[in-house]
Amino acid sequence: MAEKRDYYEVLGVKRDVTDEELKKVYRQLARQYHPDLHPDDPTCEAKFKEVTEAYEVLSNSEKRSIYDQYGHDGLENGGMGAGAGGFSDVSEILESLFGGMGGMFGGGGRAANANAPRQGRDVTTNITIDFMDACNGKSQTIQVQRMEQCTDCHGSGAAGGSEAEVCKECQGRGTVKATQRTPFGLISQSKPCSRCGGKGKVIKNPCQKCRGVGRIRVPKSITVNIPAGIDHGQTLSLSGQGDVGTNGGPNGNLFVGISVRPHPLYTREGYDIHCDIPITYAQAVLGDEIVVPTIDGNVKYRIGEGTQNGTIFRLRGKGVKRPNRTDRGDQYVKVYVEIPKGLNKHQKELISQLESSLEAKNYAKRESFFTKLRDLFKGE
């Protein structure tokens, strides 16, 4: 059996925490870890039980005093009766947050009020766009599958000419009283009616189109405004474009994941653009005005005499636009000197003549290298 953590550590509070501060912290943690909000996450359920147990003890003055003196052993020896504060306070907080004890005891807090308005589920999809569209932005129509109100029954779930009947089991309340044994004793609480599924109504003649659900999944065309500067792996959120809500609740949201196709010339790092450009041997030696492609079109840039292979130039403001701002990233241009191949005899002679006319000072890096090499082996 795993050793229990210190209750103060579980709640993240100091030992002199006040009752009011304690209640505020527990409300935050209960909302964060409540199983109804994370139905498929056993880790959250375990944490919810842990923080609830810690709060049940520390919010009870008698239990807190025993715990402060004797720790967990003192509570185990002295019992876990409810007393002042404790469970009744926990129940009150959870009631205000979720309408009941909820997932802690498998009661299904939200299901107990199934007729309350509920937001529809979120819908996710992914699209792939061109590199330039990511840089400049565009509008694109996409197809998604989402739940919408059934057009035959208008969301009632009942076939035409009929309507849902009040559930006789729960008298339309959607819940029935049940008693369960919990770590805190016998707890009487409301649970969803099994006959109507917590809806308070029973559909005897369901709509054939939606099979009584009241909603159907349909294809929908939605125009997405892709902002300039969006990057690969980012997600757009479209409010209210997800599944239709139930019982008058709001629609869910649509989340669109963005993938960007690679570009044959450019790569991107944040809001900066990078590209490599080949230059000739003569351009590198003599300098020249070269044409540089940017995402806004070609620009001219003058490289100086003696430009070395791998030199990087910076074009300010020629990168990607930053969202919600007027400034942009930069473009970095790396030049590499292309050595000519397939020279004829005359061309080779000209190169040899040029080489023989050059001095050591014309090759600063080469001269520096051999100077260091001589110094390294001096005296050996």
Protein backbone atom coordinates (compact mmCIF):
# COMPACT_ATOMS: atom_id res chain seq x y z
CA MET A 1 0.00 0.00 0.00
CA ALA A 2 1.44 3.37 -1.04
CA GLU A 3 2.35 5.77 1.76
CA LYS A 4 0.01 8.75 2.02
CA ARG A 5 1.38 12.18 1.27
CA ASP A 6 1.21 15.00 3.78
CA TYR A 7 -2.24 16.61 3.53
CA TYR A 8 -0.81 20.13 3.53
CA GLU A 9 1.50 19.13 0.67
CA VAL A 10 -1.42 17.58 -1.24
CA LEU A 11 -3.31 20.87 -1.15
CA GLY A 12 -0.20 22.99 -1.60
CA VAL A 13 -0.82 25.11 1.51
CA LYS A 14 1.17 26.11 4.61
CA ARG A 15 0.40 24.59 8.00
CA ASP A 16 -1.01 27.89 9.28
CA VAL A 17 -3.52 28.18 6.43
CA THR A 18 -6.87 29.69 7.40
CA ASP A 19 -10.21 27.94 6.87
CA GLU A 20 -11.19 30.48 4.22
CA GLU A 21 -7.92 30.03 2.32
CA LEU A 22 -8.27 26.27 2.62
CA LYS A 23 -11.75 26.32 1.11
CA LYS A 24 -10.61 28.54 -1.76
CA VAL A 25 -7.72 26.18 -2.60
CA TYR A 26 -9.94 23.11 -2.46
CA ARG A 27 -12.50 24.68 -4.79
CA GLN A 28 -9.75 25.32 -7.34
CA LEU A 29 -8.32 21.79 -7.09
CA ALA A 30 -11.74 20.14 -7.17
CA ARG A 31 -12.58 22.03 -10.33
CA GLN A 32 -9.19 21.09 -11.84
CA TYR A 33 -9.33 17.34 -11.14
CA HIS A 34 -13.03 16.50 -10.99
CA PRO A 35 -13.64 13.15 -12.78
CA ASP A 36 -16.69 14.51 -14.62
CA LEU A 37 -14.36 16.87 -16.47
CA HIS A 38 -11.85 14.09 -17.20
CA PRO A 39 -13.96 10.95 -17.68
CA ASP A 40 -11.16 8.89 -19.23
CA ASP A 41 -8.29 10.00 -17.01
CA PRO A 42 -7.70 7.76 -13.96
CA THR A 43 -4.89 10.07 -12.81
CA CYS A 44 -7.29 12.98 -12.35
CA GLU A 45 -9.74 10.76 -10.48
CA ALA A 46 -6.99 9.65 -8.09
CA LYS A 47 -5.86 13.24 -7.51
CA PHE A 48 -9.45 14.35 -6.93
CA LYS A 49 -9.90 11.70 -4.24
CA GLU A 50 -6.58 12.66 -2.66
CA VAL A 51 -7.33 16.40 -2.43
CA THR A 52 -10.87 15.70 -1.19
CA GLU A 53 -9.60 13.44 1.58
CA ALA A 54 -7.01 16.05 2.57
CA TYR A 55 -9.59 18.83 2.66
CA GLU A 56 -12.10 16.68 4.60
CA VAL A 57 -9.50 16.31 7.35
CA LEU A 58 -8.00 19.79 7.43
CA SER A 59 -11.38 21.57 7.27
CA ASN A 60 -12.46 19.72 10.42
CA SER A 61 -10.93 21.43 13.47
CA GLU A 62 -10.91 18.25 15.57
CA LYS A 63 -9.35 16.06 12.88
CA ARG A 64 -6.87 18.76 11.93
CA SER A 65 -5.69 19.00 15.54
CA ILE A 66 -5.21 15.22 15.71
CA TYR A 67 -3.43 15.18 12.35
CA ASP A 68 -1.11 18.05 13.33
CA GLN A 69 -0.06 16.15 16.47
CA TYR A 70 0.01 12.53 15.32
CA GLY A 71 -0.16 12.56 11.51
CA HIS A 72 -1.97 9.83 9.56
CA ASP A 73 -1.57 7.30 12.37
CA GLY A 74 -3.57 9.47 14.73
CA LEU A 75 -6.49 9.63 12.30
CA GLU A 76 -6.48 5.90 11.70
CA ASN A 77 -6.53 5.21 15.44
CA GLY A 78 -9.08 7.85 16.20
CA GLY A 79 -11.53 7.08 13.39
CA MET A 80 -12.87 9.25 10.56
CA GLY A 81 -16.24 10.48 11.75
CA ALA A 82 -17.71 13.46 9.94
CA GLY A 83 -17.96 15.92 12.80
CA ALA A 84 -17.92 19.67 12.17
CA GLY A 85 -16.90 20.74 8.71
CA GLY A 86 -15.41 17.79 6.82
CA PHE A 87 -17.76 15.87 4.58
CA SER A 88 -20.73 18.21 4.82
CA ASP A 89 -18.49 21.07 3.71
CA VAL A 90 -17.08 18.97 0.85
CA SER A 91 -20.59 18.12 -0.29
CA GLU A 92 -21.59 21.78 -0.23
CA ILE A 93 -18.60 22.85 -2.31
CA LEU A 94 -19.07 20.11 -4.89
CA GLU A 95 -22.77 20.85 -5.06
CA SER A 96 -21.99 24.48 -5.93
CA LEU A 97 -19.41 23.45 -8.53
CA PHE A 98 -20.95 20.39 -10.17
CA GLY A 99 -24.41 19.81 -8.74
CA GLY A 100 -23.40 16.84 -6.60
CA MET A 101 -20.61 14.52 -5.54
CA GLY A 102 -20.07 13.57 -9.18
CA GLY A 103 -17.36 11.23 -10.34
CA MET A 104 -15.79 10.72 -6.89
CA PHE A 105 -18.30 7.99 -6.11
CA GLY A 106 -19.39 7.10 -9.62
CA GLY A 107 -22.63 9.05 -9.28
CA GLY A 108 -22.16 11.14 -12.43
CA GLY A 109 -22.64 14.68 -11.16
CA ARG A 110 -23.34 16.26 -14.53
CA ALA A 111 -25.61 13.44 -15.67
CA ALA A 112 -27.85 14.13 -12.68
CA ASN A 113 -28.93 17.32 -14.42
CA ALA A 114 -29.17 16.02 -17.97
CA ASN A 115 -31.85 18.56 -18.94
CA ALA A 116 -29.56 21.49 -18.25
CA PRO A 117 -28.13 23.29 -21.29
CA ARG A 118 -24.87 21.71 -22.45
CA GLN A 119 -22.24 22.88 -24.84
CA GLY A 120 -21.71 20.72 -27.90
CA ARG A 121 -18.52 18.77 -28.36
CA ASP A 122 -15.51 20.35 -30.00
CA VAL A 123 -14.59 19.21 -33.51
CA THR A 124 -11.00 18.87 -34.71
CA THR A 125 -9.66 18.66 -38.25
CA ASN A 126 -6.37 19.23 -40.08
CA ILE A 127 -5.51 21.01 -43.31
CA THR A 128 -2.31 21.38 -45.33
CA ILE A 129 -1.45 24.74 -46.88
CA ASP A 130 1.36 26.05 -49.10
CA PHE A 131 4.40 27.78 -47.61
CA MET A 132 3.52 31.12 -49.20
CA ASP A 133 -0.07 30.94 -47.93
CA ALA A 134 1.28 30.50 -44.41
CA CYS A 135 3.45 33.59 -44.87
CA ASN A 136 0.83 35.82 -46.50
CA GLY A 137 -2.46 34.41 -45.15
CA LYS A 138 -5.54 33.33 -47.09
CA SER A 139 -9.20 32.29 -46.80
CA GLN A 140 -9.93 28.63 -47.41
CA THR A 141 -13.16 26.66 -47.39
CA ILE A 142 -12.90 23.31 -45.62
CA GLN A 143 -15.28 20.40 -45.13
CA VAL A 144 -15.99 19.08 -41.63
CA GLN A 145 -18.39 16.56 -40.15
CA ARG A 146 -20.35 17.92 -37.19
CA MET A 147 -23.53 17.27 -35.26
CA GLU A 148 -26.48 19.51 -36.11
CA GLN A 149 -30.09 19.59 -35.05
CA CYS A 150 -32.21 16.98 -36.81
CA THR A 151 -34.30 18.69 -39.48
CA ASP A 152 -37.14 16.15 -39.20
CA CYS A 153 -37.86 16.33 -35.46
CA HIS A 154 -36.23 19.75 -34.84
CA GLY A 155 -34.18 18.32 -32.01
CA SER A 156 -36.99 16.69 -30.02
CA GLY A 157 -36.00 13.13 -30.95
CA ALA A 158 -39.66 12.17 -31.39
CA ALA A 159 -41.24 11.22 -34.71
CA GLY A 160 -43.62 13.63 -36.36
CA GLY A 161 -47.05 13.72 -34.70
CA SER A 162 -45.68 12.41 -31.38
CA GLU A 163 -43.81 13.80 -28.44
CA ALA A 164 -41.73 12.60 -25.52
CA GLU A 165 -43.61 11.47 -22.40
CA VAL A 166 -42.77 12.29 -18.80
CA CYS A 167 -40.79 9.44 -17.23
CA LYS A 168 -42.91 7.59 -14.68
CA GLU A 169 -39.88 6.36 -12.75
CA CYS A 170 -38.50 9.77 -11.82
CA GLN A 171 -41.63 11.87 -12.49
CA GLY A 172 -39.72 14.01 -14.96
CA ARG A 173 -36.94 14.98 -12.56
CA GLY A 174 -34.32 12.93 -14.36
CA THR A 175 -32.85 11.74 -11.07
CA VAL A 176 -33.69 9.25 -8.34
CA LYS A 177 -32.42 9.03 -4.77
CA ALA A 178 -29.84 6.36 -4.00
CA THR A 179 -27.70 5.46 -0.99
CA GLN A 180 -24.10 4.37 -1.40
CA ARG A 181 -21.42 3.23 0.99
CA THR A 182 -18.32 5.42 0.65
CA PRO A 183 -15.06 5.92 2.58
CA PHE A 184 -16.93 8.65 4.46
CA GLY A 185 -19.93 6.51 5.44
CA LEU A 186 -23.40 6.04 3.92
CA ILE A 187 -24.18 8.85 1.52
CA SER A 188 -27.62 9.58 0.13
CA GLN A 189 -27.45 11.32 -3.20
CA SER A 190 -29.24 11.80 -6.46
CA LYS A 191 -28.30 9.67 -9.45
CA PRO A 192 -29.53 9.59 -13.06
CA CYS A 193 -32.76 7.73 -13.63
CA SER A 194 -31.95 4.46 -15.39
CA ARG A 195 -35.25 4.38 -17.29
CA CYS A 196 -34.94 7.73 -19.05
CA GLY A 197 -31.16 8.12 -18.84
CA GLY A 198 -31.51 11.23 -16.71
CA LYS A 199 -33.55 13.16 -19.29
CA GLY A 200 -36.84 13.05 -17.41
CA LYS A 201 -38.65 12.07 -20.61
CA VAL A 202 -39.12 8.85 -22.55
CA ILE A 203 -39.45 8.75 -26.34
CA LYS A 204 -41.72 5.86 -27.34
CA ASN A 205 -41.86 6.74 -31.04
CA PRO A 206 -38.35 7.94 -31.96
CA CYS A 207 -37.55 9.94 -35.08
CA GLN A 208 -36.35 7.64 -37.85
CA LYS A 209 -33.77 10.10 -39.15
CA CYS A 210 -31.87 10.69 -35.92
CA ARG A 211 -33.05 7.52 -34.05
CA GLY A 212 -34.34 9.63 -31.19
CA VAL A 213 -31.10 11.50 -30.54
CA GLY A 214 -32.35 14.83 -31.88
CA ARG A 215 -29.08 15.48 -33.69
CA ILE A 216 -27.44 14.08 -36.82
CA ARG A 217 -23.92 14.24 -38.18
CA VAL A 218 -23.72 16.15 -41.45
CA PRO A 219 -20.98 17.54 -43.72
CA LYS A 220 -20.50 21.29 -43.45
CA SER A 221 -18.52 23.79 -45.52
CA ILE A 222 -16.77 26.37 -43.35
CA THR A 223 -14.59 29.27 -44.47
CA VAL A 224 -11.39 29.55 -42.45
CA ASN A 225 -9.44 32.81 -42.41
CA ILE A 226 -5.80 31.74 -42.13
CA PRO A 227 -3.79 34.65 -40.70
CA ALA A 228 -0.48 35.73 -42.21
CA GLY A 229 2.43 34.32 -40.24
CA ILE A 230 0.84 31.08 -39.08
CA ASP A 231 3.38 28.28 -38.72
CA HIS A 232 3.47 24.52 -39.14
CA GLY A 233 1.93 22.72 -36.16
CA GLN A 234 -0.18 25.63 -34.92
CA THR A 235 -3.95 25.38 -34.41
CA LEU A 236 -6.76 27.79 -35.28
CA SER A 237 -9.83 27.98 -33.05
CA LEU A 238 -13.24 28.84 -34.54
CA SER A 239 -15.74 29.57 -31.79
CA GLY A 240 -19.19 28.01 -32.16
CA GLN A 241 -18.34 25.95 -35.24
CA GLY A 242 -18.34 22.57 -33.48
CA ASP A 243 -21.22 20.24 -32.64
CA VAL A 244 -24.59 21.80 -31.82
CA GLY A 245 -25.34 22.07 -28.11
CA THR A 246 -28.14 20.21 -26.35
CA ASN A 247 -31.07 21.62 -24.38
CA GLY A 248 -30.34 25.07 -25.76
CA GLY A 249 -26.65 24.97 -24.87
CA PRO A 250 -24.01 26.70 -27.03
CA ASN A 251 -22.23 24.98 -29.89
CA GLY A 252 -18.78 23.51 -29.41
CA ASN A 253 -15.72 24.93 -31.12
CA LEU A 254 -13.80 23.89 -34.22
CA PHE A 255 -10.04 23.40 -33.95
CA VAL A 256 -8.10 23.38 -37.24
CA GLY A 257 -4.56 22.00 -37.12
CA ILE A 258 -2.21 23.54 -39.69
CA SER A 259 0.43 21.69 -41.70
CA VAL A 260 2.67 23.66 -44.07
CA ARG A 261 4.19 22.17 -47.21
CA PRO A 262 7.97 22.62 -47.57
CA HIS A 263 9.19 25.26 -50.05
CA PRO A 264 11.85 24.48 -52.68
CA LEU A 265 13.88 27.63 -51.87
CA TYR A 266 12.99 28.79 -48.37
CA THR A 267 13.11 27.40 -44.88
CA ARG A 268 11.58 29.10 -41.87
CA GLU A 269 12.73 29.57 -38.29
CA GLY A 270 10.12 31.43 -36.26
CA TYR A 271 9.42 34.55 -38.30
CA ASP A 272 12.75 34.53 -40.15
CA ILE A 273 13.26 33.18 -43.67
CA HIS A 274 16.45 31.41 -44.77
CA CYS A 275 17.64 30.64 -48.28
CA ASP A 276 20.88 29.59 -50.02
CA ILE A 277 22.04 31.28 -53.25
CA PRO A 278 24.92 30.11 -55.50
CA ILE A 279 27.36 32.73 -56.84
CA THR A 280 30.16 32.38 -59.38
CA TYR A 281 33.86 32.41 -58.64
CA ALA A 282 34.16 35.79 -60.37
CA GLN A 283 31.27 37.28 -58.39
CA ALA A 284 32.85 36.15 -55.15
CA VAL A 285 36.24 37.63 -56.11
CA LEU A 286 35.15 40.87 -57.75
CA GLY A 287 31.81 41.52 -56.02
CA ASP A 288 28.54 41.95 -57.86
CA GLU A 289 24.89 42.88 -57.62
CA ILE A 290 22.88 39.68 -57.27
CA VAL A 291 19.13 39.01 -57.40
CA VAL A 292 17.67 37.61 -54.17
CA PRO A 293 14.18 36.03 -54.13
CA THR A 294 12.03 36.98 -51.13
CA ILE A 295 8.45 36.14 -50.19
CA ASP A 296 7.51 39.62 -51.50
CA GLY A 297 9.35 39.22 -54.82
CA ASN A 298 12.91 39.63 -56.10
CA VAL A 299 15.23 42.29 -54.65
CA LYS A 300 18.78 43.32 -55.62
CA TYR A 301 21.66 43.03 -53.18
CA ARG A 302 25.30 43.96 -53.70
CA ILE A 303 27.93 41.59 -52.39
CA GLY A 304 31.44 42.93 -51.80
CA GLU A 305 34.77 41.91 -53.25
CA GLY A 306 36.29 38.79 -51.76
CA THR A 307 33.00 37.37 -50.47
CA GLN A 308 33.78 34.04 -48.85
CA ASN A 309 31.90 30.79 -49.30
CA GLY A 310 29.15 30.45 -46.66
CA THR A 311 28.84 34.18 -45.93
CA ILE A 312 25.37 35.08 -44.60
CA PHE A 313 23.66 38.38 -45.41
CA ARG A 314 20.67 39.78 -43.56
CA LEU A 315 17.71 41.48 -45.24
CA ARG A 316 15.82 43.32 -42.53
CA GLY A 317 12.03 43.14 -42.57
CA LYS A 318 11.92 40.61 -45.42
CA GLY A 319 10.71 37.75 -43.26
CA VAL A 320 7.25 36.68 -42.10
CA LYS A 321 4.69 39.06 -40.61
CA ARG A 322 4.18 38.69 -36.87
CA PRO A 323 0.50 38.14 -35.94
CA ASN A 324 -1.29 41.19 -34.56
CA ARG A 325 1.81 43.33 -35.14
CA THR A 326 3.15 45.53 -37.91
CA ASP A 327 6.78 44.34 -37.81
CA ARG A 328 8.18 41.31 -39.57
CA GLY A 329 11.04 38.89 -39.27
CA ASP A 330 14.19 39.05 -41.40
CA GLN A 331 15.54 37.04 -44.31
CA TYR A 332 18.97 35.46 -44.08
CA VAL A 333 20.77 34.73 -47.36
CA LYS A 334 23.68 32.31 -47.36
CA VAL A 335 25.89 32.42 -50.46
CA TYR A 336 28.05 29.55 -51.58
CA VAL A 337 30.69 29.84 -54.25
CA GLU A 338 30.23 27.39 -57.08
CA ILE A 339 33.61 26.21 -58.43
CA PRO A 340 33.49 25.93 -62.24
CA LYS A 341 33.85 22.46 -63.78
CA GLY A 342 34.74 21.23 -67.28
CA LEU A 343 37.25 23.98 -68.07
CA ASN A 344 39.01 23.85 -71.45
CA LYS A 345 42.77 24.17 -71.83
CA HIS A 346 42.72 27.93 -72.37
CA GLN A 347 40.53 28.53 -69.34
CA LYS A 348 42.84 26.41 -67.19
CA GLU A 349 45.85 28.40 -68.38
CA LEU A 350 44.11 31.65 -67.44
CA ILE A 351 43.37 30.30 -63.96
CA SER A 352 47.00 29.22 -63.59
CA GLN A 353 48.22 32.66 -64.64
CA LEU A 354 45.91 34.28 -62.12
CA GLU A 355 47.06 31.96 -59.37
CA SER A 356 50.75 32.57 -60.09
CA SER A 357 50.19 36.32 -59.89
CA LEU A 358 48.66 36.15 -56.41
CA GLU A 359 50.62 36.58 -53.19
CA ALA A 360 50.17 35.15 -49.69
CA LYS A 361 48.39 38.33 -48.55
CA ASN A 362 45.61 37.59 -51.06
CA TYR A 363 44.78 34.47 -49.03
CA ALA A 364 44.45 35.78 -45.48
CA LYS A 365 42.89 32.65 -44.00
CA ARG A 366 45.37 30.34 -45.72
CA GLU A 367 48.32 32.41 -44.51
CA SER A 368 46.94 32.45 -40.96
CA PHE A 369 46.47 28.67 -41.01
CA PHE A 370 50.04 27.89 -42.07
CA THR A 371 51.43 30.41 -39.57
CA LYS A 372 49.62 28.59 -36.77
CA LEU A 373 50.79 25.26 -38.16
CA ARG A 374 54.46 26.37 -38.13
CA ASP A 375 54.12 27.67 -34.58
CA LEU A 376 52.56 24.39 -33.50
CA PHE A 377 55.50 22.27 -34.67
CA LYS A 378 58.25 24.80 -33.88
CA GLY A 379 61.02 23.22 -31.88
CA GLU A 380 60.08 19.63 -32.69
